[in-house]
């Protein structure tokens, strides 16, 4: 009896045709996240809102360009665009800091001059 079971398990039933073989292909490996260049998108948005916005817009365009190149797999162009985005962000931040320093100096000196003038006017009245 055990030989009959073994025979039934080894041989296909009559009229059975086996399915064609299935071949599996290796999926394309995605680019590791660590090797992608930084797009500086958040820094670009900060540059537009808080610093010198005309240069910040150029930095934002370069940031978006970097993302597009990364999605297309063009890493050399993405790295070059990333460097340009960083450069424009630093220029925007530098100009924004310089403008803020000059504005605050002007405000402080104007208030100081106003206080000095009112003190001098009060001293002349006395």
Protein backbone atom coordinates (compact mmCIF):
# COMPACT_ATOMS: atom_id res chain seq x y z
CA UNK A 1 0.00 0.00 0.00
CA UNK A 2 2.73 2.57 0.74
CA UNK A 3 4.18 2.05 -2.72
CA UNK A 4 0.84 2.91 -4.34
CA UNK A 5 0.67 6.22 -2.43
CA UNK A 6 4.23 6.98 -3.39
CA UNK A 7 3.46 6.18 -7.03
CA UNK A 8 0.39 8.46 -6.98
CA UNK A 9 2.42 11.33 -5.54
CA UNK A 10 5.27 11.04 -8.05
CA UNK A 11 3.31 10.66 -11.27
CA UNK A 12 0.93 13.30 -12.59
CA UNK A 13 -2.62 12.22 -13.33
CA UNK A 14 -3.42 11.20 -16.89
CA UNK A 15 -4.22 14.09 -19.24
CA UNK A 16 -2.26 16.56 -17.11
CA UNK A 17 0.13 18.94 -18.87
CA UNK A 18 2.59 20.83 -16.69
CA UNK A 19 2.60 24.62 -16.71
CA UNK A 20 5.43 26.41 -18.47
CA UNK A 21 8.31 27.43 -16.21
CA UNK A 22 8.15 30.82 -14.52
CA UNK A 23 11.19 33.06 -14.62
CA UNK A 24 11.73 35.84 -12.13
CA UNK A 25 13.81 38.88 -12.97
CA UNK A 26 15.69 40.99 -10.48
CA UNK A 27 13.98 44.37 -10.02
CA UNK A 28 16.09 47.43 -10.72
CA UNK A 29 17.77 48.61 -7.55
CA UNK A 30 16.72 52.10 -6.48
CA UNK A 31 19.39 54.68 -5.82
CA UNK A 32 20.19 54.72 -2.09
CA UNK A 33 18.79 57.76 -0.30
CA UNK A 34 22.17 58.58 1.23
CA UNK A 35 23.87 59.10 -2.15
CA UNK A 36 21.33 61.64 -3.41
CA UNK A 37 22.46 65.28 -3.18
CA UNK A 38 20.68 67.65 -0.83
CA UNK A 39 18.15 69.86 -2.60
CA UNK A 40 18.07 72.65 0.05
CA UNK A 41 14.33 73.15 -0.49
CA UNK A 42 13.56 74.16 3.11
CA UNK A 43 16.51 76.57 3.16
CA UNK A 44 15.26 78.06 -0.12
CA UNK A 45 11.82 78.66 1.35
CA UNK A 46 13.44 80.26 4.40
CA UNK A 47 15.53 82.48 2.11
CA UNK A 48 12.43 83.66 0.27
CA UNK A 49 10.42 84.38 3.44
CA UNK A 50 13.07 85.77 5.79
CA UNK A 51 15.94 87.02 3.65
CA UNK A 52 16.42 88.56 0.22
CA UNK A 53 13.55 87.08 -1.80
CA UNK A 54 14.73 87.74 -5.39
CA UNK A 55 17.81 85.55 -4.94
CA UNK A 56 15.76 83.13 -2.82
CA UNK A 57 13.46 82.48 -5.78
CA UNK A 58 16.46 81.51 -7.90
CA UNK A 59 17.58 79.17 -5.11
CA UNK A 60 14.09 77.63 -5.00
CA UNK A 61 14.15 77.00 -8.76
CA UNK A 62 17.55 75.30 -8.41
CA UNK A 63 16.19 73.18 -5.53
CA UNK A 64 13.27 71.98 -7.64
CA UNK A 65 15.65 71.33 -10.53
CA UNK A 66 17.80 69.19 -8.21
CA UNK A 67 14.78 67.08 -7.23
CA UNK A 68 13.81 66.61 -10.87
CA UNK A 69 17.32 65.47 -11.79
CA UNK A 70 17.35 63.02 -8.87
CA UNK A 71 14.03 61.54 -9.96
CA UNK A 72 15.36 61.12 -13.50
CA UNK A 73 18.53 59.45 -12.20
CA UNK A 74 20.82 62.20 -13.52
CA UNK A 75 23.08 62.45 -10.47
CA UNK A 76 25.85 64.57 -12.01
CA UNK A 77 23.40 67.31 -12.98
CA UNK A 78 21.65 66.96 -9.62
CA UNK A 79 24.91 67.53 -7.73
CA UNK A 80 25.75 70.59 -9.83
CA UNK A 81 22.27 72.03 -9.34
CA UNK A 82 22.48 71.29 -5.60
CA UNK A 83 25.71 73.27 -5.33
CA UNK A 84 24.10 76.19 -7.18
CA UNK A 85 21.04 76.07 -4.89
CA UNK A 86 23.32 76.19 -1.84
CA UNK A 87 25.30 79.10 -3.31
CA UNK A 88 22.17 81.14 -4.07
CA UNK A 89 20.79 80.39 -0.60
CA UNK A 90 23.99 81.62 1.04
CA UNK A 91 23.94 84.78 -1.09
CA UNK A 92 20.30 85.42 -0.17
CA UNK A 93 20.98 84.89 3.53
CA UNK A 94 24.07 87.12 3.40
CA UNK A 95 22.22 89.96 1.69
CA UNK A 96 19.30 89.56 4.11
CA UNK A 97 21.58 89.74 7.15
CA UNK A 98 23.35 92.81 5.73
CA UNK A 99 20.05 94.59 5.05
CA UNK A 100 18.79 93.79 8.55
CA UNK A 101 22.01 95.06 10.15
CA UNK A 102 21.80 98.35 8.22
CA UNK A 103 18.11 98.81 9.02
CA UNK A 104 18.63 98.17 12.73
CA UNK A 105 21.65 100.48 12.83
CA UNK A 106 19.59 103.19 11.14
CA UNK A 107 16.71 102.69 13.61
CA UNK A 108 19.01 102.71 16.64
CA UNK A 109 20.90 105.78 15.44
CA UNK A 110 17.64 107.59 14.54
CA UNK A 111 16.14 106.87 17.95
CA UNK A 112 19.37 107.93 19.64
CA UNK A 113 19.49 111.16 17.67
CA UNK A 114 15.84 111.82 18.47
CA UNK A 115 16.44 111.27 22.18
CA UNK A 116 19.53 113.49 22.08
CA UNK A 117 17.62 116.24 20.25
CA UNK A 118 14.71 116.13 22.70
CA UNK A 119 17.12 116.19 25.64
CA UNK A 120 18.95 119.18 24.17
CA UNK A 121 15.63 120.95 23.56
CA UNK A 122 14.56 120.31 27.14
CA UNK A 123 17.88 121.64 28.42
CA UNK A 124 17.50 124.87 26.42
CA UNK A 125 14.01 125.45 27.84
CA UNK A 126 15.30 125.23 31.36
